[in-house]
C-alpha cells in the first residue's frame, strides 16, 4: 500500500473523530453529552440547542465522510483503498479518539461517504431521509431505513463489489449503533423531532 494512502486513511480517522456536535454545543457553553440523549450527533444538538445548530452539525459530519473519499480518489483508483478511507472516517465519528472512543452513530458521515462514491444514489437517499423525517418525525427511522435502501440499490445496480460491501458494512454499523433507538421505537418511547426553533438557555 502506498504511504500516501496510509496517511490519508489515518487522516480520515482523525478527521472523522473531530466531534463537531460537541464543539458547536460548546459555543452555547453546553456539554452536549450531558443533555438529551447524550449523543454528540446532529439530532441531539437540534433538540438541545436549535435546528440551525443541528443542521450545521449535520453538514459538517456529512463532509467528514465525503472529504476522505474525494481525497483518496485523487491518489488511487483502487476501490478497496478508497473505501478504507471512508470506513476510517465513519469509525472516527463513532469511536472518536478525542472523546475517549465514544461518538455519534455514523448516519451523517455514512451519508457523506455515499455522496463521494455514488452521488446519484446520494440524491435519492437524501430525499428519502427528508421525507421519512418529515412524515414520521423520527430521525432514527430515517437513519435505519435509508442505509438499508441504499445497500439494496448498490447491489441491484451492480455497482463495484467493494462499494456494495462497503454499503453493507456501514449499514450494519449504523443499525448496531441504533439498537437503543430500535428498542425505544418498539416500546413507544422514542422521542420525535420538532421543527420549531428552540433557543438554548
N, C-alpha and C. Protein backbone atom coordinates (compact mmCIF):
# COMPACT_ATOMS: atom_id res chain seq x y z
N UNK A 1 0.84 -1.20 0.00
CA UNK A 1 0.00 0.00 0.00
C UNK A 1 0.88 1.25 0.00
N UNK A 2 0.57 2.20 -0.85
CA UNK A 2 1.33 3.44 -0.94
C UNK A 2 1.24 4.21 0.38
N UNK A 3 2.40 4.79 0.77
CA UNK A 3 2.44 5.51 2.05
C UNK A 3 1.48 6.69 2.07
N UNK A 4 1.22 7.28 0.90
CA UNK A 4 0.28 8.40 0.84
C UNK A 4 -1.11 7.95 1.24
N UNK A 5 -1.53 6.78 0.78
CA UNK A 5 -2.85 6.26 1.12
C UNK A 5 -2.93 5.96 2.61
N UNK A 6 -1.83 5.45 3.17
CA UNK A 6 -1.80 5.17 4.62
C UNK A 6 -2.03 6.46 5.39
N UNK A 7 -1.35 7.51 4.97
CA UNK A 7 -1.51 8.81 5.63
C UNK A 7 -2.95 9.31 5.49
N UNK A 8 -3.54 9.12 4.31
CA UNK A 8 -4.92 9.55 4.07
C UNK A 8 -5.88 8.77 4.98
N UNK A 9 -5.67 7.47 5.13
CA UNK A 9 -6.55 6.66 5.97
C UNK A 9 -6.45 7.09 7.44
N UNK A 10 -5.23 7.31 7.90
CA UNK A 10 -5.04 7.78 9.28
C UNK A 10 -5.68 9.16 9.45
N UNK A 11 -5.43 10.03 8.45
CA UNK A 11 -6.02 11.37 8.50
C UNK A 11 -7.54 11.33 8.46
N UNK A 12 -8.08 10.36 7.72
CA UNK A 12 -9.53 10.22 7.63
C UNK A 12 -10.12 9.86 8.99
N UNK A 13 -9.44 8.98 9.71
CA UNK A 13 -9.91 8.62 11.05
C UNK A 13 -9.87 9.84 11.97
N UNK A 14 -8.79 10.60 11.90
CA UNK A 14 -8.67 11.78 12.76
C UNK A 14 -9.71 12.83 12.40
N UNK A 15 -9.96 13.02 11.10
CA UNK A 15 -10.99 13.96 10.67
C UNK A 15 -12.35 13.49 11.15
N UNK A 16 -12.63 12.19 10.99
CA UNK A 16 -13.89 11.65 11.44
C UNK A 16 -14.06 11.79 12.94
N UNK A 17 -12.95 11.80 13.66
CA UNK A 17 -13.00 11.89 15.12
C UNK A 17 -13.33 13.28 15.63
N UNK A 18 -13.20 14.29 14.78
CA UNK A 18 -13.49 15.66 15.23
C UNK A 18 -14.97 15.74 15.61
N UNK A 19 -15.29 15.97 16.89
CA UNK A 19 -16.68 15.96 17.37
C UNK A 19 -17.36 17.32 17.17
N UNK A 20 -17.80 17.58 15.95
CA UNK A 20 -18.37 18.89 15.65
C UNK A 20 -19.58 19.20 16.53
N UNK A 21 -20.40 18.19 16.83
CA UNK A 21 -21.55 18.42 17.70
C UNK A 21 -21.12 18.89 19.07
N UNK A 22 -20.10 18.27 19.61
CA UNK A 22 -19.56 18.65 20.91
C UNK A 22 -19.00 20.07 20.87
N UNK A 23 -18.22 20.37 19.82
CA UNK A 23 -17.58 21.68 19.71
C UNK A 23 -18.58 22.80 19.50
N UNK A 24 -19.57 22.57 18.64
CA UNK A 24 -20.56 23.62 18.37
C UNK A 24 -21.42 23.86 19.60
N UNK A 25 -21.78 22.80 20.32
CA UNK A 25 -22.56 22.98 21.55
C UNK A 25 -21.78 23.79 22.57
N UNK A 26 -20.47 23.69 22.55
CA UNK A 26 -19.65 24.45 23.48
C UNK A 26 -19.78 25.96 23.26
N UNK A 27 -20.16 26.34 22.02
CA UNK A 27 -20.37 27.77 21.75
C UNK A 27 -21.53 28.31 22.59
N UNK A 28 -22.45 27.42 22.96
CA UNK A 28 -23.56 27.77 23.86
C UNK A 28 -23.23 27.40 25.30
N UNK A 29 -21.95 27.07 25.54
CA UNK A 29 -21.48 26.67 26.86
C UNK A 29 -22.24 25.46 27.38
N UNK A 30 -22.49 24.52 26.47
CA UNK A 30 -23.20 23.29 26.80
C UNK A 30 -22.33 22.08 26.48
N UNK A 31 -22.26 21.16 27.41
CA UNK A 31 -21.64 19.86 27.13
C UNK A 31 -22.76 18.97 26.63
N UNK A 32 -22.83 18.79 25.33
CA UNK A 32 -23.96 18.09 24.72
C UNK A 32 -24.09 16.67 25.25
N UNK A 33 -23.01 16.12 25.79
CA UNK A 33 -23.05 14.76 26.33
C UNK A 33 -23.87 14.67 27.60
N UNK A 34 -24.13 15.84 28.20
CA UNK A 34 -24.90 15.87 29.45
C UNK A 34 -26.35 16.28 29.23
N UNK A 35 -26.76 16.34 27.98
CA UNK A 35 -28.13 16.78 27.67
C UNK A 35 -28.80 15.80 26.71
N UNK A 36 -30.12 15.74 26.79
CA UNK A 36 -30.88 14.91 25.86
C UNK A 36 -30.45 13.46 25.90
N UNK A 37 -30.14 12.93 24.71
CA UNK A 37 -29.73 11.53 24.60
C UNK A 37 -28.27 11.33 25.00
N UNK A 38 -27.53 12.44 25.15
CA UNK A 38 -26.11 12.35 25.47
C UNK A 38 -25.24 12.11 24.25
N UNK A 39 -25.87 12.02 23.08
CA UNK A 39 -25.15 11.78 21.84
C UNK A 39 -24.60 13.09 21.30
N UNK A 40 -23.46 13.03 20.59
CA UNK A 40 -22.84 14.25 20.07
C UNK A 40 -23.25 14.53 18.63
N UNK A 41 -24.22 13.78 18.12
CA UNK A 41 -24.65 13.96 16.74
C UNK A 41 -25.60 15.12 16.54
N UNK A 42 -25.97 15.32 15.28
CA UNK A 42 -26.79 16.47 14.88
C UNK A 42 -28.18 16.46 15.53
N UNK A 43 -28.78 15.29 15.69
CA UNK A 43 -30.14 15.23 16.23
C UNK A 43 -30.21 15.77 17.65
N UNK A 44 -29.26 15.37 18.48
CA UNK A 44 -29.27 15.84 19.87
C UNK A 44 -28.97 17.33 19.95
N UNK A 45 -28.09 17.81 19.06
CA UNK A 45 -27.81 19.25 19.01
C UNK A 45 -29.05 20.00 18.58
N UNK A 46 -29.76 19.49 17.59
CA UNK A 46 -31.02 20.08 17.12
C UNK A 46 -32.00 20.22 18.28
N UNK A 47 -32.19 19.13 19.02
CA UNK A 47 -33.16 19.13 20.11
C UNK A 47 -32.73 20.00 21.29
N UNK A 48 -31.44 19.96 21.60
CA UNK A 48 -30.96 20.64 22.79
C UNK A 48 -30.73 22.13 22.58
N UNK A 49 -30.22 22.50 21.41
CA UNK A 49 -29.91 23.91 21.16
C UNK A 49 -30.95 24.52 20.23
N UNK A 50 -30.86 24.24 18.94
CA UNK A 50 -31.87 24.71 17.99
C UNK A 50 -31.63 24.04 16.63
N UNK A 51 -32.62 24.09 15.73
CA UNK A 51 -32.48 23.43 14.43
C UNK A 51 -31.28 23.91 13.61
N UNK A 52 -30.98 25.21 13.67
CA UNK A 52 -29.87 25.73 12.87
C UNK A 52 -28.55 25.09 13.30
N UNK A 53 -28.34 24.98 14.60
CA UNK A 53 -27.12 24.34 15.10
C UNK A 53 -27.08 22.88 14.70
N UNK A 54 -28.23 22.23 14.77
CA UNK A 54 -28.30 20.82 14.38
C UNK A 54 -27.98 20.62 12.91
N UNK A 55 -28.49 21.50 12.06
CA UNK A 55 -28.22 21.38 10.62
C UNK A 55 -26.75 21.64 10.31
N UNK A 56 -26.14 22.56 11.05
CA UNK A 56 -24.71 22.83 10.85
C UNK A 56 -23.89 21.61 11.21
N UNK A 57 -24.22 20.98 12.33
CA UNK A 57 -23.52 19.77 12.74
C UNK A 57 -23.71 18.67 11.69
N UNK A 58 -24.94 18.53 11.20
CA UNK A 58 -25.23 17.53 10.18
C UNK A 58 -24.36 17.75 8.95
N UNK A 59 -24.26 19.00 8.48
CA UNK A 59 -23.48 19.31 7.29
C UNK A 59 -22.00 19.00 7.50
N UNK A 60 -21.47 19.36 8.66
CA UNK A 60 -20.05 19.12 8.94
C UNK A 60 -19.77 17.63 9.10
N UNK A 61 -20.66 16.92 9.77
CA UNK A 61 -20.48 15.47 9.92
C UNK A 61 -20.58 14.77 8.56
N UNK A 62 -21.45 15.27 7.69
CA UNK A 62 -21.57 14.70 6.35
C UNK A 62 -20.27 14.90 5.57
N UNK A 63 -19.71 16.09 5.65
CA UNK A 63 -18.47 16.39 4.93
C UNK A 63 -17.31 15.55 5.43
N UNK A 64 -17.37 15.12 6.70
CA UNK A 64 -16.31 14.25 7.23
C UNK A 64 -16.27 12.93 6.46
N UNK A 65 -17.40 12.53 5.92
CA UNK A 65 -17.44 11.31 5.14
C UNK A 65 -17.09 11.52 3.68
N UNK A 66 -17.42 12.70 3.15
CA UNK A 66 -17.17 12.98 1.73
C UNK A 66 -15.70 13.31 1.45
N UNK A 67 -15.11 14.15 2.27
CA UNK A 67 -13.75 14.63 2.02
C UNK A 67 -12.72 13.50 1.90
N UNK A 68 -12.71 12.51 2.79
CA UNK A 68 -11.71 11.44 2.65
C UNK A 68 -11.86 10.64 1.35
N UNK A 69 -13.12 10.41 0.93
CA UNK A 69 -13.35 9.69 -0.32
C UNK A 69 -12.79 10.47 -1.50
N UNK A 70 -13.12 11.75 -1.57
CA UNK A 70 -12.66 12.58 -2.69
C UNK A 70 -11.14 12.71 -2.70
N UNK A 71 -10.55 12.81 -1.52
CA UNK A 71 -9.09 12.92 -1.43
C UNK A 71 -8.43 11.62 -1.88
N UNK A 72 -8.93 10.51 -1.39
CA UNK A 72 -8.35 9.21 -1.77
C UNK A 72 -8.46 8.97 -3.27
N UNK A 73 -9.55 9.42 -3.88
CA UNK A 73 -9.75 9.23 -5.32
C UNK A 73 -8.73 9.98 -6.15
N UNK A 74 -8.11 11.00 -5.56
CA UNK A 74 -7.08 11.76 -6.27
C UNK A 74 -5.76 11.00 -6.35
N UNK A 75 -5.60 9.99 -5.49
CA UNK A 75 -4.31 9.29 -5.42
C UNK A 75 -4.38 7.82 -5.85
N UNK A 76 -5.59 7.28 -5.94
CA UNK A 76 -5.71 5.88 -6.33
C UNK A 76 -7.05 5.62 -6.99
N UNK A 77 -7.06 4.62 -7.86
CA UNK A 77 -8.32 4.19 -8.47
C UNK A 77 -8.77 2.86 -7.88
N UNK A 78 -8.01 2.40 -6.89
CA UNK A 78 -8.32 1.13 -6.23
C UNK A 78 -9.53 1.32 -5.31
N UNK A 79 -10.65 0.67 -5.66
CA UNK A 79 -11.87 0.84 -4.88
C UNK A 79 -11.69 0.47 -3.42
N UNK A 80 -10.90 -0.59 -3.17
CA UNK A 80 -10.72 -1.05 -1.80
C UNK A 80 -10.02 0.00 -0.95
N UNK A 81 -9.01 0.65 -1.51
CA UNK A 81 -8.28 1.67 -0.76
C UNK A 81 -9.15 2.91 -0.54
N UNK A 82 -9.95 3.25 -1.53
CA UNK A 82 -10.84 4.40 -1.40
C UNK A 82 -11.83 4.19 -0.26
N UNK A 83 -12.42 2.98 -0.20
CA UNK A 83 -13.42 2.76 0.84
C UNK A 83 -12.79 2.64 2.22
N UNK A 84 -11.51 2.25 2.29
CA UNK A 84 -10.84 2.20 3.59
C UNK A 84 -10.80 3.60 4.21
N UNK A 85 -10.58 4.60 3.36
CA UNK A 85 -10.57 5.98 3.86
C UNK A 85 -11.94 6.35 4.40
N UNK A 86 -13.00 5.95 3.69
CA UNK A 86 -14.35 6.25 4.16
C UNK A 86 -14.69 5.53 5.44
N UNK A 87 -14.32 4.26 5.52
CA UNK A 87 -14.59 3.48 6.73
C UNK A 87 -13.85 4.09 7.93
N UNK A 88 -12.63 4.54 7.69
CA UNK A 88 -11.85 5.16 8.76
C UNK A 88 -12.56 6.40 9.29
N UNK A 89 -13.17 7.17 8.39
CA UNK A 89 -13.89 8.37 8.82
C UNK A 89 -15.11 8.02 9.66
N UNK A 90 -15.86 7.01 9.23
CA UNK A 90 -17.04 6.59 9.99
C UNK A 90 -16.65 6.05 11.36
N UNK A 91 -15.58 5.26 11.40
CA UNK A 91 -15.11 4.74 12.68
C UNK A 91 -14.62 5.86 13.58
N UNK A 92 -14.00 6.86 12.98
CA UNK A 92 -13.57 8.02 13.77
C UNK A 92 -14.75 8.75 14.37
N UNK A 93 -15.82 8.88 13.60
CA UNK A 93 -17.01 9.57 14.09
C UNK A 93 -17.68 8.79 15.22
N UNK A 94 -17.77 7.48 15.07
CA UNK A 94 -18.47 6.66 16.07
C UNK A 94 -17.60 6.32 17.27
N UNK A 95 -16.27 6.28 17.04
CA UNK A 95 -15.34 5.98 18.13
C UNK A 95 -14.23 7.02 18.12
N UNK A 96 -14.58 8.23 18.52
CA UNK A 96 -13.66 9.36 18.43
C UNK A 96 -12.53 9.26 19.44
N UNK A 97 -11.31 9.43 18.94
CA UNK A 97 -10.15 9.42 19.82
C UNK A 97 -10.17 10.63 20.76
N UNK A 98 -10.89 11.67 20.37
CA UNK A 98 -10.96 12.88 21.18
C UNK A 98 -12.03 12.81 22.26
N UNK A 99 -12.87 11.79 22.21
CA UNK A 99 -13.95 11.62 23.20
C UNK A 99 -13.85 10.26 23.87
N UNK A 100 -12.63 9.80 24.08
CA UNK A 100 -12.38 8.51 24.73
C UNK A 100 -13.08 7.37 23.98
N UNK A 101 -13.01 7.45 22.67
CA UNK A 101 -13.54 6.42 21.76
C UNK A 101 -15.06 6.25 21.87
N UNK A 102 -15.71 7.36 22.15
CA UNK A 102 -17.16 7.42 22.04
C UNK A 102 -17.50 8.45 20.97
N UNK A 103 -18.74 8.45 20.50
CA UNK A 103 -19.07 9.41 19.45
C UNK A 103 -20.50 9.29 18.99
N UNK A 104 -20.75 9.70 17.75
CA UNK A 104 -22.08 9.67 17.17
C UNK A 104 -22.41 8.30 16.62
N UNK A 105 -23.53 8.23 15.89
CA UNK A 105 -24.00 6.95 15.39
C UNK A 105 -23.61 6.69 13.93
N UNK A 106 -23.00 7.67 13.28
CA UNK A 106 -22.42 7.43 11.97
C UNK A 106 -23.32 7.69 10.77
N UNK A 107 -24.57 8.09 11.01
CA UNK A 107 -25.50 8.23 9.89
C UNK A 107 -25.09 9.33 8.92
N UNK A 108 -24.81 10.53 9.45
CA UNK A 108 -24.46 11.65 8.58
C UNK A 108 -23.13 11.41 7.87
N UNK A 109 -22.16 10.87 8.59
CA UNK A 109 -20.86 10.61 7.98
C UNK A 109 -20.97 9.51 6.93
N UNK A 110 -21.80 8.51 7.20
CA UNK A 110 -22.04 7.46 6.21
C UNK A 110 -22.71 8.02 4.97
N UNK A 111 -23.62 8.97 5.17
CA UNK A 111 -24.28 9.62 4.04
C UNK A 111 -23.27 10.44 3.24
N UNK A 112 -22.31 11.03 3.95
CA UNK A 112 -21.25 11.78 3.27
C UNK A 112 -20.38 10.88 2.41
N UNK A 113 -20.10 9.68 2.89
CA UNK A 113 -19.37 8.70 2.08
C UNK A 113 -20.13 8.39 0.81
N UNK A 114 -21.43 8.24 0.97
CA UNK A 114 -22.28 7.93 -0.19
C UNK A 114 -22.19 9.04 -1.23
N UNK A 115 -22.15 10.29 -0.78
CA UNK A 115 -22.02 11.41 -1.71
C UNK A 115 -20.72 11.30 -2.50
N UNK A 116 -19.67 10.82 -1.85
CA UNK A 116 -18.38 10.72 -2.51
C UNK A 116 -18.30 9.61 -3.54
N UNK A 117 -18.92 8.45 -3.25
CA UNK A 117 -18.76 7.30 -4.15
C UNK A 117 -19.93 7.09 -5.10
N UNK A 118 -21.09 7.65 -4.77
CA UNK A 118 -22.26 7.45 -5.64
C UNK A 118 -23.21 8.64 -5.50
N UNK A 119 -22.88 9.77 -6.12
CA UNK A 119 -23.71 10.97 -6.00
C UNK A 119 -25.16 10.76 -6.43
N UNK A 120 -25.37 9.89 -7.44
CA UNK A 120 -26.73 9.66 -7.92
C UNK A 120 -27.58 8.97 -6.85
N UNK A 121 -27.03 7.95 -6.21
CA UNK A 121 -27.76 7.27 -5.14
C UNK A 121 -27.92 8.20 -3.94
N UNK A 122 -26.91 9.06 -3.72
CA UNK A 122 -26.99 10.01 -2.62
C UNK A 122 -28.22 10.90 -2.73
N UNK A 123 -28.49 11.38 -3.94
CA UNK A 123 -29.64 12.27 -4.14
C UNK A 123 -30.93 11.61 -3.67
N UNK A 124 -31.13 10.36 -4.08
CA UNK A 124 -32.33 9.64 -3.68
C UNK A 124 -32.34 9.36 -2.18
N UNK A 125 -31.16 9.06 -1.62
CA UNK A 125 -31.07 8.79 -0.19
C UNK A 125 -31.39 10.05 0.60
N UNK A 126 -30.88 11.19 0.14
CA UNK A 126 -31.12 12.46 0.83
C UNK A 126 -32.62 12.79 0.83
N UNK A 127 -33.25 12.58 -0.32
CA UNK A 127 -34.68 12.82 -0.42
C UNK A 127 -35.45 11.88 0.51
N UNK A 128 -35.01 10.62 0.55
CA UNK A 128 -35.67 9.63 1.42
C UNK A 128 -35.55 10.03 2.88
N UNK A 129 -34.37 10.50 3.28
CA UNK A 129 -34.16 10.95 4.66
C UNK A 129 -35.11 12.10 5.00
N UNK A 130 -35.18 13.08 4.09
CA UNK A 130 -36.03 14.24 4.32
C UNK A 130 -37.50 13.83 4.45
N UNK A 131 -37.96 12.96 3.56
CA UNK A 131 -39.36 12.53 3.59
C UNK A 131 -39.67 11.73 4.85
N UNK A 132 -38.78 10.81 5.22
CA UNK A 132 -39.01 9.98 6.40
C UNK A 132 -39.03 10.82 7.68
N UNK A 133 -38.11 11.77 7.77
CA UNK A 133 -38.08 12.61 8.97
C UNK A 133 -39.33 13.49 9.03
N UNK A 134 -39.71 14.05 7.90
CA UNK A 134 -40.86 14.94 7.87
C UNK A 134 -42.15 14.21 8.18
N UNK A 135 -42.30 12.99 7.65
CA UNK A 135 -43.56 12.26 7.82
C UNK A 135 -43.66 11.53 9.15
N UNK A 136 -42.52 11.01 9.66
CA UNK A 136 -42.58 10.23 10.90
C UNK A 136 -42.14 11.03 12.12
N UNK A 137 -41.34 12.08 11.90
CA UNK A 137 -40.74 12.88 12.97
C UNK A 137 -39.71 12.09 13.77
N UNK A 138 -39.36 10.92 13.26
CA UNK A 138 -38.33 10.11 13.91
C UNK A 138 -37.06 10.12 13.07
N UNK A 139 -36.01 10.75 13.56
CA UNK A 139 -34.74 10.75 12.84
C UNK A 139 -34.18 9.33 12.79
N UNK A 140 -34.39 8.58 13.87
CA UNK A 140 -33.85 7.22 13.93
C UNK A 140 -34.45 6.33 12.85
N UNK A 141 -35.73 6.52 12.51
CA UNK A 141 -36.36 5.72 11.46
C UNK A 141 -35.67 5.98 10.12
N UNK A 142 -35.41 7.26 9.83
CA UNK A 142 -34.72 7.60 8.59
C UNK A 142 -33.29 7.07 8.59
N UNK A 143 -32.64 7.14 9.76
CA UNK A 143 -31.25 6.71 9.87
C UNK A 143 -31.10 5.20 9.70
N UNK A 144 -32.15 4.45 10.02
CA UNK A 144 -32.10 3.00 9.91
C UNK A 144 -32.56 2.52 8.53
N UNK A 145 -33.67 3.07 8.05
CA UNK A 145 -34.25 2.59 6.80
C UNK A 145 -33.47 3.04 5.57
N UNK A 146 -32.95 4.27 5.59
CA UNK A 146 -32.24 4.78 4.41
C UNK A 146 -31.00 3.96 4.06
N UNK A 147 -30.13 3.64 5.03
CA UNK A 147 -28.98 2.81 4.68
C UNK A 147 -29.38 1.45 4.11
N UNK A 148 -30.46 0.89 4.63
CA UNK A 148 -30.93 -0.39 4.09
C UNK A 148 -31.30 -0.24 2.62
N UNK A 149 -32.03 0.84 2.30
CA UNK A 149 -32.41 1.09 0.92
C UNK A 149 -31.21 1.34 0.03
N UNK A 150 -30.23 2.06 0.56
CA UNK A 150 -29.01 2.35 -0.21
C UNK A 150 -28.26 1.06 -0.52
N UNK A 151 -28.15 0.19 0.46
CA UNK A 151 -27.46 -1.08 0.25
C UNK A 151 -28.13 -1.91 -0.84
N UNK A 152 -29.44 -1.98 -0.79
CA UNK A 152 -30.19 -2.71 -1.82
C UNK A 152 -29.93 -2.09 -3.20
N UNK A 153 -29.92 -0.75 -3.25
CA UNK A 153 -29.69 -0.05 -4.52
C UNK A 153 -28.32 -0.38 -5.10
N UNK A 154 -27.28 -0.41 -4.26
CA UNK A 154 -25.94 -0.73 -4.73
C UNK A 154 -25.89 -2.11 -5.37
N UNK A 155 -26.51 -3.08 -4.72
CA UNK A 155 -26.47 -4.44 -5.25
C UNK A 155 -27.31 -4.57 -6.52
N UNK A 156 -28.49 -3.95 -6.52
CA UNK A 156 -29.37 -4.07 -7.69
C UNK A 156 -28.79 -3.36 -8.91
N UNK A 157 -28.06 -2.27 -8.67
CA UNK A 157 -27.49 -1.51 -9.78
C UNK A 157 -26.11 -2.02 -10.20
N UNK A 158 -25.69 -3.12 -9.58
CA UNK A 158 -24.41 -3.75 -9.94
C UNK A 158 -23.23 -2.78 -9.85
N UNK A 159 -23.18 -2.02 -8.78
CA UNK A 159 -22.04 -1.13 -8.56
C UNK A 159 -20.82 -1.97 -8.18
N UNK A 160 -19.61 -1.40 -8.23
CA UNK A 160 -18.40 -2.16 -7.91
C UNK A 160 -18.54 -2.93 -6.60
N UNK A 161 -18.08 -4.15 -6.59
CA UNK A 161 -18.22 -5.01 -5.42
C UNK A 161 -17.72 -4.36 -4.13
N UNK A 162 -16.55 -3.70 -4.15
CA UNK A 162 -16.10 -3.07 -2.90
C UNK A 162 -17.11 -2.06 -2.37
N UNK A 163 -17.76 -1.31 -3.26
CA UNK A 163 -18.75 -0.33 -2.81
C UNK A 163 -20.00 -1.01 -2.27
N UNK A 164 -20.38 -2.12 -2.87
CA UNK A 164 -21.54 -2.87 -2.37
C UNK A 164 -21.26 -3.40 -0.97
N UNK A 165 -20.05 -3.94 -0.79
CA UNK A 165 -19.67 -4.46 0.52
C UNK A 165 -19.56 -3.33 1.54
N UNK A 166 -19.06 -2.18 1.09
CA UNK A 166 -18.96 -1.02 1.96
C UNK A 166 -20.34 -0.59 2.44
N UNK A 167 -21.28 -0.49 1.51
CA UNK A 167 -22.63 -0.08 1.87
C UNK A 167 -23.22 -1.04 2.89
N UNK A 168 -22.98 -2.33 2.69
CA UNK A 168 -23.48 -3.34 3.61
C UNK A 168 -22.85 -3.19 4.99
N UNK A 169 -21.53 -2.99 5.04
CA UNK A 169 -20.83 -2.85 6.31
C UNK A 169 -21.29 -1.61 7.07
N UNK A 170 -21.36 -0.48 6.35
CA UNK A 170 -21.78 0.77 7.01
C UNK A 170 -23.20 0.64 7.54
N UNK A 171 -24.07 -0.03 6.78
CA UNK A 171 -25.44 -0.24 7.23
C UNK A 171 -25.48 -1.04 8.52
N UNK A 172 -24.65 -2.09 8.58
CA UNK A 172 -24.59 -2.91 9.79
C UNK A 172 -24.12 -2.08 10.98
N UNK A 173 -23.07 -1.26 10.76
CA UNK A 173 -22.54 -0.41 11.84
C UNK A 173 -23.61 0.55 12.33
N UNK A 174 -24.30 1.20 11.38
CA UNK A 174 -25.32 2.18 11.75
C UNK A 174 -26.46 1.52 12.52
N UNK A 175 -26.92 0.37 12.07
CA UNK A 175 -28.01 -0.32 12.76
C UNK A 175 -27.58 -0.73 14.16
N UNK A 176 -26.36 -1.24 14.30
CA UNK A 176 -25.86 -1.62 15.62
C UNK A 176 -25.82 -0.42 16.55
N UNK A 177 -25.41 0.74 16.01
CA UNK A 177 -25.35 1.95 16.83
C UNK A 177 -26.74 2.46 17.19
N UNK A 178 -27.75 2.00 16.46
CA UNK A 178 -29.12 2.45 16.71
C UNK A 178 -29.95 1.44 17.49
N UNK A 179 -29.31 0.42 18.03
CA UNK A 179 -30.07 -0.58 18.80
C UNK A 179 -30.88 0.06 19.94
N UNK A 180 -30.31 1.01 20.71
CA UNK A 180 -31.12 1.66 21.75
C UNK A 180 -32.35 2.37 21.17
N UNK A 181 -32.18 2.99 19.99
CA UNK A 181 -33.31 3.67 19.34
C UNK A 181 -34.38 2.66 18.91
N UNK A 182 -33.92 1.52 18.38
CA UNK A 182 -34.86 0.49 17.95
C UNK A 182 -35.68 0.00 19.14
N UNK A 183 -35.03 -0.20 20.27
CA UNK A 183 -35.73 -0.63 21.47
C UNK A 183 -36.77 0.41 21.90
N UNK A 184 -36.39 1.69 21.82
CA UNK A 184 -37.34 2.75 22.21
C UNK A 184 -38.49 2.84 21.21
N UNK A 185 -38.20 2.63 19.93
CA UNK A 185 -39.27 2.63 18.93
C UNK A 185 -40.28 1.52 19.21
N UNK A 186 -39.77 0.34 19.55
CA UNK A 186 -40.63 -0.80 19.84
C UNK A 186 -41.44 -0.57 21.12
N UNK A 187 -40.83 0.17 22.06
CA UNK A 187 -41.51 0.44 23.33
C UNK A 187 -42.40 1.68 23.28
N UNK A 188 -42.31 2.40 22.15
CA UNK A 188 -43.10 3.61 22.01
C UNK A 188 -42.56 4.78 22.81
N UNK A 189 -41.28 4.74 23.17
CA UNK A 189 -40.69 5.81 23.99
C UNK A 189 -39.66 6.65 23.21
N UNK A 190 -39.49 6.38 21.94
CA UNK A 190 -38.54 7.16 21.13
C UNK A 190 -39.06 8.58 20.95
N UNK A 191 -38.18 9.55 21.13
CA UNK A 191 -38.59 10.96 21.01
C UNK A 191 -38.70 11.38 19.56
N UNK A 192 -39.74 12.14 19.27
CA UNK A 192 -39.89 12.71 17.93
C UNK A 192 -39.17 14.05 17.88
N UNK A 193 -38.82 14.45 16.66
CA UNK A 193 -38.12 15.71 16.48
C UNK A 193 -39.14 16.81 16.20
N UNK A 194 -38.83 18.00 16.68
CA UNK A 194 -39.69 19.16 16.43
C UNK A 194 -39.01 20.09 15.46
N UNK A 195 -39.79 20.70 14.58
CA UNK A 195 -39.22 21.65 13.61
C UNK A 195 -39.31 23.10 14.11
N UNK A 196 -39.77 23.25 15.34
CA UNK A 196 -39.88 24.59 15.90
C UNK A 196 -38.53 25.01 16.43
N UNK A 197 -38.21 26.27 16.21
CA UNK A 197 -36.92 26.79 16.67
C UNK A 197 -36.91 26.86 18.19
N UNK A 198 -35.78 26.42 18.75
CA UNK A 198 -35.65 26.44 20.19
C UNK A 198 -34.36 27.14 20.59
N UNK A 199 -34.45 28.04 21.52
CA UNK A 199 -33.27 28.75 21.99
C UNK A 199 -32.77 28.09 23.26
N UNK A 200 -31.48 27.81 23.28
CA UNK A 200 -30.91 27.20 24.48
C UNK A 200 -30.78 28.24 25.56
N UNK A 201 -30.97 27.81 26.79
CA UNK A 201 -30.84 28.73 27.92
C UNK A 201 -29.38 28.89 28.30
